[in-house]
Amino acid sequence: KFVSQSEEYLIWNTKDAGVSNAGDFGYTYGIGKSIA
């Protein structure tokens, strides 16, 4: 609900990521755009 009300649509440009040894946990980060 919050995203729908305040942010149009989001696109992502991932800079890097990491995953756990078990492959069940991960993270991604980078720069993106909210386009209205």
PDB file of all heavy atoms in Angstrom:
ATOM      1  N   LYS A   1       0.826  -1.204   0.000  1.00  0.00           N
ATOM      2  CA  LYS A   1       0.000   0.000   0.000  1.00  0.00           C
ATOM      3  C   LYS A   1       0.856   1.249   0.000  1.00  0.00           C
ATOM      4  O   LYS A   1       0.593   2.202  -0.756  1.00  0.00           O
ATOM      5  CB  LYS A   1      -0.929  -0.006   1.221  1.00  0.00           C
ATOM      6  CG  LYS A   1      -1.862   1.191   1.288  1.00  0.00           C
ATOM      7  CD  LYS A   1      -2.777   1.089   2.512  1.00  0.00           C
ATOM      8  CE  LYS A   1      -3.705   2.297   2.591  1.00  0.00           C
ATOM      9  NZ  LYS A   1      -4.596   2.214   3.791  1.00  0.00           N
ATOM     10  N   PHE A   2       1.918   1.264   0.815  1.00  0.00           N
ATOM     11  CA  PHE A   2       2.786   2.439   0.887  1.00  0.00           C
ATOM     12  C   PHE A   2       3.478   2.683  -0.446  1.00  0.00           C
ATOM     13  O   PHE A   2       3.499   3.812  -0.945  1.00  0.00           O
ATOM     14  CB  PHE A   2       3.828   2.266   1.986  1.00  0.00           C
ATOM     15  CG  PHE A   2       4.770   3.431   2.096  1.00  0.00           C
ATOM     16  CD1 PHE A   2       4.445   4.528   2.886  1.00  0.00           C
ATOM     17  CD2 PHE A   2       5.979   3.451   1.401  1.00  0.00           C
ATOM     18  CE1 PHE A   2       5.306   5.614   2.981  1.00  0.00           C
ATOM     19  CE2 PHE A   2       6.834   4.528   1.492  1.00  0.00           C
ATOM     20  CZ  PHE A   2       6.500   5.617   2.287  1.00  0.00           C
ATOM     21  N   VAL A   3       4.050   1.646  -1.029  1.00  0.00           N
ATOM     22  CA  VAL A   3       4.750   1.805  -2.302  1.00  0.00           C
ATOM     23  C   VAL A   3       3.781   2.257  -3.390  1.00  0.00           C
ATOM     24  O   VAL A   3       4.104   3.144  -4.193  1.00  0.00           O
ATOM     25  CB  VAL A   3       5.443   0.486  -2.716  1.00  0.00           C
ATOM     26  CG1 VAL A   3       6.020   0.590  -4.126  1.00  0.00           C
ATOM     27  CG2 VAL A   3       6.553   0.143  -1.723  1.00  0.00           C
ATOM     28  N   SER A   4       2.588   1.701  -3.413  1.00  0.00           N
ATOM     29  CA  SER A   4       1.602   2.056  -4.439  1.00  0.00           C
ATOM     30  C   SER A   4       1.182   3.512  -4.343  1.00  0.00           C
ATOM     31  O   SER A   4       0.920   4.169  -5.356  1.00  0.00           O
ATOM     32  CB  SER A   4       0.366   1.152  -4.314  1.00  0.00           C
ATOM     33  OG  SER A   4       0.703  -0.198  -4.550  1.00  0.00           O
ATOM     34  N   GLN A   5       1.155   4.043  -3.122  1.00  0.00           N
ATOM     35  CA  GLN A   5       0.713   5.419  -2.920  1.00  0.00           C
ATOM     36  C   GLN A   5       1.820   6.447  -3.153  1.00  0.00           C
ATOM     37  O   GLN A   5       1.548   7.572  -3.568  1.00  0.00           O
ATOM     38  CB  GLN A   5       0.161   5.589  -1.501  1.00  0.00           C
ATOM     39  CG  GLN A   5      -1.151   4.867  -1.265  1.00  0.00           C
ATOM     40  CD  GLN A   5      -1.619   4.982   0.168  1.00  0.00           C
ATOM     41  OE1 GLN A   5      -0.840   5.308   1.068  1.00  0.00           O
ATOM     42  NE2 GLN A   5      -2.883   4.701   0.413  1.00  0.00           N
ATOM     43  N   SER A   6       3.068   6.068  -2.904  1.00  0.00           N
ATOM     44  CA  SER A   6       4.137   7.064  -2.900  1.00  0.00           C
ATOM     45  C   SER A   6       5.187   6.877  -3.978  1.00  0.00           C
ATOM     46  O   SER A   6       5.957   7.791  -4.255  1.00  0.00           O
ATOM     47  CB  SER A   6       4.842   7.049  -1.535  1.00  0.00           C
ATOM     48  OG  SER A   6       5.411   5.769  -1.295  1.00  0.00           O
ATOM     49  N   GLU A   7       5.239   5.720  -4.595  1.00  0.00           N
ATOM     50  CA  GLU A   7       6.266   5.445  -5.591  1.00  0.00           C
ATOM     51  C   GLU A   7       5.602   4.834  -6.822  1.00  0.00           C
ATOM     52  O   GLU A   7       4.850   3.878  -6.699  1.00  0.00           O
ATOM     53  CB  GLU A   7       7.335   4.496  -5.021  1.00  0.00           C
ATOM     54  CG  GLU A   7       8.058   5.079  -3.813  1.00  0.00           C
ATOM     55  CD  GLU A   7       8.684   4.002  -2.915  1.00  0.00           C
ATOM     56  OE1 GLU A   7       8.537   2.808  -3.220  1.00  0.00           O
ATOM     57  OE2 GLU A   7       9.299   4.382  -1.918  1.00  0.00           O
ATOM     58  N   GLU A   8       5.862   5.395  -8.003  1.00  0.00           N
ATOM     59  CA  GLU A   8       5.226   4.898  -9.213  1.00  0.00           C
ATOM     60  C   GLU A   8       5.697   3.481  -9.513  1.00  0.00           C
ATOM     61  O   GLU A   8       5.236   2.545  -8.921  1.00  0.00           O
ATOM     62  CB  GLU A   8       5.522   5.866 -10.367  1.00  0.00           C
ATOM     63  CG  GLU A   8       4.857   7.227 -10.197  1.00  0.00           C
ATOM     64  CD  GLU A   8       3.331   7.131 -10.168  1.00  0.00           C
ATOM     65  OE1 GLU A   8       2.770   6.329 -10.936  1.00  0.00           O
ATOM     66  OE2 GLU A   8       2.699   7.847  -9.366  1.00  0.00           O
ATOM     67  N   TYR A   9       6.658   3.312 -10.385  1.00  0.00           N
ATOM     68  CA  TYR A   9       7.234   1.986 -10.534  1.00  0.00           C
ATOM     69  C   TYR A   9       8.747   2.080 -10.429  1.00  0.00           C
ATOM     70  O   TYR A   9       9.351   3.098 -10.778  1.00  0.00           O
ATOM     71  CB  TYR A   9       6.787   1.291 -11.828  1.00  0.00           C
ATOM     72  CG  TYR A   9       7.314   1.875 -13.107  1.00  0.00           C
ATOM     73  CD1 TYR A   9       8.484   1.390 -13.693  1.00  0.00           C
ATOM     74  CD2 TYR A   9       6.627   2.890 -13.768  1.00  0.00           C
ATOM     75  CE1 TYR A   9       8.961   1.910 -14.887  1.00  0.00           C
ATOM     76  CE2 TYR A   9       7.089   3.410 -14.956  1.00  0.00           C
ATOM     77  CZ  TYR A   9       8.257   2.926 -15.520  1.00  0.00           C
ATOM     78  OH  TYR A   9       8.731   3.443 -16.687  1.00  0.00           O
ATOM     79  N   LEU A  10       9.351   1.023  -9.902  1.00  0.00           N
ATOM     80  CA  LEU A  10      10.764   1.028  -9.548  1.00  0.00           C
ATOM     81  C   LEU A  10      11.551   0.125 -10.484  1.00  0.00           C
ATOM     82  O   LEU A  10      11.103  -0.976 -10.823  1.00  0.00           O
ATOM     83  CB  LEU A  10      10.948   0.554  -8.111  1.00  0.00           C
ATOM     84  CG  LEU A  10      10.101   1.266  -7.042  1.00  0.00           C
ATOM     85  CD1 LEU A  10      10.281   0.572  -5.703  1.00  0.00           C
ATOM     86  CD2 LEU A  10      10.481   2.724  -6.928  1.00  0.00           C
ATOM     87  N   ILE A  11      12.728   0.595 -10.889  1.00  0.00           N
ATOM     88  CA  ILE A  11      13.635  -0.250 -11.652  1.00  0.00           C
ATOM     89  C   ILE A  11      14.980  -0.267 -10.940  1.00  0.00           C
ATOM     90  O   ILE A  11      15.335   0.675 -10.235  1.00  0.00           O
ATOM     91  CB  ILE A  11      13.797   0.223 -13.116  1.00  0.00           C
ATOM     92  CG1 ILE A  11      14.338   1.657 -13.187  1.00  0.00           C
ATOM     93  CG2 ILE A  11      12.473   0.122 -13.857  1.00  0.00           C
ATOM     94  CD1 ILE A  11      14.618   2.126 -14.601  1.00  0.00           C
ATOM     95  N   TRP A  12      15.724  -1.361 -11.114  1.00  0.00           N
ATOM     96  CA  TRP A  12      16.916  -1.616 -10.328  1.00  0.00           C
ATOM     97  C   TRP A  12      18.140  -1.806 -11.210  1.00  0.00           C
ATOM     98  O   TRP A  12      18.076  -2.435 -12.256  1.00  0.00           O
ATOM     99  CB  TRP A  12      16.730  -2.872  -9.472  1.00  0.00           C
ATOM    100  CG  TRP A  12      15.374  -2.983  -8.851  1.00  0.00           C
ATOM    101  CD1 TRP A  12      14.262  -3.556  -9.390  1.00  0.00           C
ATOM    102  CD2 TRP A  12      14.971  -2.476  -7.580  1.00  0.00           C
ATOM    103  NE1 TRP A  12      13.202  -3.453  -8.521  1.00  0.00           N
ATOM    104  CE2 TRP A  12      13.610  -2.794  -7.407  1.00  0.00           C
ATOM    105  CE3 TRP A  12      15.648  -1.800  -6.555  1.00  0.00           C
ATOM    106  CZ2 TRP A  12      12.900  -2.457  -6.262  1.00  0.00           C
ATOM    107  CZ3 TRP A  12      14.938  -1.469  -5.412  1.00  0.00           C
ATOM    108  CH2 TRP A  12      13.584  -1.785  -5.278  1.00  0.00           C
ATOM    109  N   ASN A  13      19.255  -1.289 -10.767  1.00  0.00           N
ATOM    110  CA  ASN A  13      20.544  -1.548 -11.408  1.00  0.00           C
ATOM    111  C   ASN A  13      21.472  -2.082 -10.318  1.00  0.00           C
ATOM    112  O   ASN A  13      22.079  -1.318  -9.586  1.00  0.00           O
ATOM    113  CB  ASN A  13      21.105  -0.277 -12.040  1.00  0.00           C
ATOM    114  CG  ASN A  13      22.400  -0.524 -12.790  1.00  0.00           C
ATOM    115  OD1 ASN A  13      22.805  -1.671 -13.012  1.00  0.00           O
ATOM    116  ND2 ASN A  13      23.071   0.548 -13.161  1.00  0.00           N
ATOM    117  N   THR A  14      21.544  -3.395 -10.212  1.00  0.00           N
ATOM    118  CA  THR A  14      22.275  -4.028  -9.121  1.00  0.00           C
ATOM    119  C   THR A  14      23.777  -3.817  -9.260  1.00  0.00           C
ATOM    120  O   THR A  14      24.349  -4.055 -10.320  1.00  0.00           O
ATOM    121  CB  THR A  14      21.990  -5.538  -9.089  1.00  0.00           C
ATOM    122  OG1 THR A  14      20.580  -5.758  -9.144  1.00  0.00           O
ATOM    123  CG2 THR A  14      22.555  -6.160  -7.825  1.00  0.00           C
ATOM    124  N   LYS A  15      24.400  -3.385  -8.176  1.00  0.00           N
ATOM    125  CA  LYS A  15      25.851  -3.193  -8.163  1.00  0.00           C
ATOM    126  C   LYS A  15      26.575  -4.450  -7.699  1.00  0.00           C
ATOM    127  O   LYS A  15      27.615  -4.812  -8.236  1.00  0.00           O
ATOM    128  CB  LYS A  15      26.215  -2.009  -7.263  1.00  0.00           C
ATOM    129  CG  LYS A  15      27.683  -1.630  -7.307  1.00  0.00           C
ATOM    130  CD  LYS A  15      27.953  -0.341  -6.546  1.00  0.00           C
ATOM    131  CE  LYS A  15      29.423   0.051  -6.636  1.00  0.00           C
ATOM    132  NZ  LYS A  15      29.695   1.323  -5.917  1.00  0.00           N
ATOM    133  N   ASP A  16      26.018  -5.114  -6.689  1.00  0.00           N
ATOM    134  CA  ASP A  16      26.646  -6.337  -6.208  1.00  0.00           C
ATOM    135  C   ASP A  16      25.648  -7.108  -5.350  1.00  0.00           C
ATOM    136  O   ASP A  16      24.568  -6.606  -5.015  1.00  0.00           O
ATOM    137  CB  ASP A  16      27.911  -6.037  -5.401  1.00  0.00           C
ATOM    138  CG  ASP A  16      28.888  -7.221  -5.373  1.00  0.00           C
ATOM    139  OD1 ASP A  16      28.547  -8.274  -5.950  1.00  0.00           O
ATOM    140  OD2 ASP A  16      29.959  -7.074  -4.777  1.00  0.00           O
ATOM    141  N   ALA A  17      26.039  -8.325  -5.000  1.00  0.00           N
ATOM    142  CA  ALA A  17      25.176  -9.192  -4.206  1.00  0.00           C
ATOM    143  C   ALA A  17      26.038 -10.160  -3.416  1.00  0.00           C
ATOM    144  O   ALA A  17      27.222 -10.346  -3.702  1.00  0.00           O
ATOM    145  CB  ALA A  17      24.217  -9.960  -5.118  1.00  0.00           C
ATOM    146  N   GLY A  18      25.431 -10.771  -2.433  1.00  0.00           N
ATOM    147  CA  GLY A  18      26.104 -11.812  -1.653  1.00  0.00           C
ATOM    148  C   GLY A  18      25.098 -12.855  -1.233  1.00  0.00           C
ATOM    149  O   GLY A  18      23.903 -12.560  -1.095  1.00  0.00           O
ATOM    150  N   VAL A  19      25.554 -14.088  -1.048  1.00  0.00           N
ATOM    151  CA  VAL A  19      24.667 -15.172  -0.613  1.00  0.00           C
ATOM    152  C   VAL A  19      25.348 -15.971   0.487  1.00  0.00           C
ATOM    153  O   VAL A  19      26.577 -15.963   0.620  1.00  0.00           O
ATOM    154  CB  VAL A  19      24.281 -16.108  -1.777  1.00  0.00           C
ATOM    155  CG1 VAL A  19      23.495 -15.351  -2.835  1.00  0.00           C
ATOM    156  CG2 VAL A  19      25.515 -16.761  -2.385  1.00  0.00           C
ATOM    157  N   SER A  20      24.559 -16.681   1.259  1.00  0.00           N
ATOM    158  CA  SER A  20      25.081 -17.497   2.356  1.00  0.00           C
ATOM    159  C   SER A  20      25.631 -18.814   1.836  1.00  0.00           C
ATOM    160  O   SER A  20      25.353 -19.240   0.711  1.00  0.00           O
ATOM    161  CB  SER A  20      23.968 -17.772   3.368  1.00  0.00           C
ATOM    162  OG  SER A  20      22.970 -18.590   2.789  1.00  0.00           O
ATOM    163  N   ASN A  21      26.388 -19.478   2.677  1.00  0.00           N
ATOM    164  CA  ASN A  21      26.922 -20.788   2.317  1.00  0.00           C
ATOM    165  C   ASN A  21      25.820 -21.811   2.050  1.00  0.00           C
ATOM    166  O   ASN A  21      25.980 -22.711   1.229  1.00  0.00           O
ATOM    167  CB  ASN A  21      27.825 -21.312   3.429  1.00  0.00           C
ATOM    168  CG  ASN A  21      29.122 -20.539   3.522  1.00  0.00           C
ATOM    169  OD1 ASN A  21      29.549 -19.892   2.568  1.00  0.00           O
ATOM    170  ND2 ASN A  21      29.776 -20.603   4.671  1.00  0.00           N
ATOM    171  N   ALA A  22      24.692 -21.657   2.757  1.00  0.00           N
ATOM    172  CA  ALA A  22      23.577 -22.583   2.584  1.00  0.00           C
ATOM    173  C   ALA A  22      22.672 -22.201   1.418  1.00  0.00           C
ATOM    174  O   ALA A  22      21.765 -22.955   1.061  1.00  0.00           O
ATOM    175  CB  ALA A  22      22.755 -22.664   3.867  1.00  0.00           C
ATOM    176  N   GLY A  23      22.890 -21.018   0.852  1.00  0.00           N
ATOM    177  CA  GLY A  23      22.086 -20.590  -0.279  1.00  0.00           C
ATOM    178  C   GLY A  23      20.671 -20.191   0.067  1.00  0.00           C
ATOM    179  O   GLY A  23      19.790 -20.161  -0.804  1.00  0.00           O
ATOM    180  N   ASP A  24      20.419 -19.850   1.342  1.00  0.00           N
ATOM    181  CA  ASP A  24      19.063 -19.494   1.766  1.00  0.00           C
ATOM    182  C   ASP A  24      18.955 -18.040   2.220  1.00  0.00           C
ATOM    183  O   ASP A  24      17.883 -17.593   2.628  1.00  0.00           O
ATOM    184  CB  ASP A  24      18.614 -20.413   2.896  1.00  0.00           C
ATOM    185  CG  ASP A  24      19.472 -20.270   4.151  1.00  0.00           C
ATOM    186  OD1 ASP A  24      20.600 -19.748   4.048  1.00  0.00           O
ATOM    187  OD2 ASP A  24      19.021 -20.690   5.236  1.00  0.00           O
ATOM    188  N   PHE A  25      20.044 -17.303   2.150  1.00  0.00           N
ATOM    189  CA  PHE A  25      20.076 -15.903   2.583  1.00  0.00           C
ATOM    190  C   PHE A  25      20.895 -15.129   1.543  1.00  0.00           C
ATOM    191  O   PHE A  25      21.945 -15.605   1.102  1.00  0.00           O
ATOM    192  CB  PHE A  25      20.729 -15.785   3.958  1.00  0.00           C
ATOM    193  CG  PHE A  25      20.876 -14.374   4.480  1.00  0.00           C
ATOM    194  CD1 PHE A  25      19.976 -13.859   5.394  1.00  0.00           C
ATOM    195  CD2 PHE A  25      21.920 -13.552   4.049  1.00  0.00           C
ATOM    196  CE1 PHE A  25      20.125 -12.553   5.884  1.00  0.00           C
ATOM    197  CE2 PHE A  25      22.072 -12.267   4.533  1.00  0.00           C
ATOM    198  CZ  PHE A  25      21.157 -11.755   5.456  1.00  0.00           C
ATOM    199  N   GLY A  26      20.412 -13.957   1.159  1.00  0.00           N
ATOM    200  CA  GLY A  26      21.152 -13.150   0.201  1.00  0.00           C
ATOM    201  C   GLY A  26      20.850 -11.680   0.365  1.00  0.00           C
ATOM    202  O   GLY A  26      19.897 -11.291   1.044  1.00  0.00           O
ATOM    203  N   TYR A  27      21.679 -10.869  -0.248  1.00  0.00           N
ATOM    204  CA  TYR A  27      21.431  -9.429  -0.268  1.00  0.00           C
ATOM    205  C   TYR A  27      21.889  -8.868  -1.607  1.00  0.00           C
ATOM    206  O   TYR A  27      22.797  -9.399  -2.252  1.00  0.00           O
ATOM    207  CB  TYR A  27      22.139  -8.720   0.893  1.00  0.00           C
ATOM    208  CG  TYR A  27      23.658  -8.824   0.849  1.00  0.00           C
ATOM    209  CD1 TYR A  27      24.429  -7.855   0.194  1.00  0.00           C
ATOM    210  CD2 TYR A  27      24.321  -9.893   1.450  1.00  0.00           C
ATOM    211  CE1 TYR A  27      25.825  -7.960   0.150  1.00  0.00           C
ATOM    212  CE2 TYR A  27      25.703 -10.006   1.408  1.00  0.00           C
ATOM    213  CZ  TYR A  27      26.443  -9.035   0.762  1.00  0.00           C
ATOM    214  OH  TYR A  27      27.816  -9.146   0.708  1.00  0.00           O
ATOM    215  N   THR A  28      21.230  -7.803  -2.021  1.00  0.00           N
ATOM    216  CA  THR A  28      21.583  -7.096  -3.241  1.00  0.00           C
ATOM    217  C   THR A  28      21.542  -5.604  -2.949  1.00  0.00           C
ATOM    218  O   THR A  28      20.767  -5.143  -2.108  1.00  0.00           O
ATOM    219  CB  THR A  28      20.600  -7.408  -4.384  1.00  0.00           C
ATOM    220  OG1 THR A  28      19.251  -7.161  -3.938  1.00  0.00           O
ATOM    221  CG2 THR A  28      20.713  -8.845  -4.838  1.00  0.00           C
ATOM    222  N   TYR A  29      22.371  -4.849  -3.644  1.00  0.00           N
ATOM    223  CA  TYR A  29      22.324  -3.392  -3.487  1.00  0.00           C
ATOM    224  C   TYR A  29      22.773  -2.728  -4.776  1.00  0.00           C
ATOM    225  O   TYR A  29      23.425  -3.348  -5.629  1.00  0.00           O
ATOM    226  CB  TYR A  29      23.178  -2.930  -2.302  1.00  0.00           C
ATOM    227  CG  TYR A  29      24.667  -3.177  -2.470  1.00  0.00           C
ATOM    228  CD1 TYR A  29      25.486  -2.225  -3.089  1.00  0.00           C
ATOM    229  CD2 TYR A  29      25.261  -4.347  -2.005  1.00  0.00           C
ATOM    230  CE1 TYR A  29      26.849  -2.447  -3.241  1.00  0.00           C
ATOM    231  CE2 TYR A  29      26.618  -4.575  -2.158  1.00  0.00           C
ATOM    232  CZ  TYR A  29      27.400  -3.615  -2.772  1.00  0.00           C
ATOM    233  OH  TYR A  29      28.751  -3.833  -2.929  1.00  0.00           O
ATOM    234  N   GLY A  30      22.407  -1.444  -4.908  1.00  0.00           N
ATOM    235  CA  GLY A  30      22.787  -0.713  -6.105  1.00  0.00           C
ATOM    236  C   GLY A  30      22.057   0.605  -6.210  1.00  0.00           C
ATOM    237  O   GLY A  30      21.654   1.189  -5.196  1.00  0.00           O
ATOM    238  N   ILE A  31      21.858   1.052  -7.440  1.00  0.00           N
ATOM    239  CA  ILE A  31      21.179   2.308  -7.730  1.00  0.00           C
ATOM    240  C   ILE A  31      19.948   2.017  -8.573  1.00  0.00           C
ATOM    241  O   ILE A  31      19.983   1.180  -9.480  1.00  0.00           O
ATOM    242  CB  ILE A  31      22.103   3.279  -8.505  1.00  0.00           C
ATOM    243  CG1 ILE A  31      23.397   3.522  -7.729  1.00  0.00           C
ATOM    244  CG2 ILE A  31      21.381   4.600  -8.785  1.00  0.00           C
ATOM    245  CD1 ILE A  31      23.219   4.227  -6.409  1.00  0.00           C
ATOM    246  N   GLY A  32      18.850   2.672  -8.266  1.00  0.00           N
ATOM    247  CA  GLY A  32      17.625   2.456  -9.024  1.00  0.00           C
ATOM    248  C   GLY A  32      16.910   3.761  -9.318  1.00  0.00           C
ATOM    249  O   GLY A  32      17.408   4.856  -9.010  1.00  0.00           O
ATOM    250  N   LYS A  33      15.726   3.621  -9.914  1.00  0.00           N
ATOM    251  CA  LYS A  33      14.922   4.798 -10.252  1.00  0.00           C
ATOM    252  C   LYS A  33      13.459   4.531  -9.937  1.00  0.00           C
ATOM    253  O   LYS A  33      12.951   3.428 -10.159  1.00  0.00           O
ATOM    254  CB  LYS A  33      15.057   5.130 -11.742  1.00  0.00           C
ATOM    255  CG  LYS A  33      16.434   5.605 -12.166  1.00  0.00           C
ATOM    256  CD  LYS A  33      16.474   5.924 -13.658  1.00  0.00           C
ATOM    257  CE  LYS A  33      17.860   6.396 -14.092  1.00  0.00           C
ATOM    258  NZ  LYS A  33      17.900   6.691 -15.548  1.00  0.00           N
ATOM    259  N   SER A  34      12.800   5.555  -9.408  1.00  0.00           N
ATOM    260  CA  SER A  34      11.360   5.559  -9.237  1.00  0.00           C
ATOM    261  C   SER A  34      10.801   6.457 -10.336  1.00  0.00           C
ATOM    262  O   SER A  34      11.058   7.665 -10.353  1.00  0.00           O
ATOM    263  CB  SER A  34      10.977   6.094  -7.853  1.00  0.00           C
ATOM    264  OG  SER A  34       9.570   6.171  -7.723  1.00  0.00           O
ATOM    265  N   ILE A  35      10.063   5.857 -11.249  1.00  0.00           N
ATOM    266  CA  ILE A  35       9.643   6.571 -12.455  1.00  0.00           C
ATOM    267  C   ILE A  35       8.160   6.895 -12.394  1.00  0.00           C
ATOM    268  O   ILE A  35       7.311   6.005 -12.278  1.00  0.00           O
ATOM    269  CB  ILE A  35       9.953   5.750 -13.714  1.00  0.00           C
ATOM    270  CG1 ILE A  35      11.464   5.452 -13.771  1.00  0.00           C
ATOM    271  CG2 ILE A  35       9.488   6.477 -14.970  1.00  0.00           C
ATOM    272  CD1 ILE A  35      11.876   4.557 -14.906  1.00  0.00           C
ATOM    273  N   ALA A  36       7.862   8.182 -12.460  1.00  0.00           N
ATOM    274  CA  ALA A  36       6.490   8.664 -12.526  1.00  0.00           C
ATOM    275  C   ALA A  36       6.253   9.291 -13.895  1.00  0.00           C
ATOM    276  O   ALA A  36       7.156   9.358 -14.736  1.00  0.00           O
ATOM    277  CB  ALA A  36       6.227   9.689 -11.418  1.00  0.00           C
TER     278      ALA A  36
END
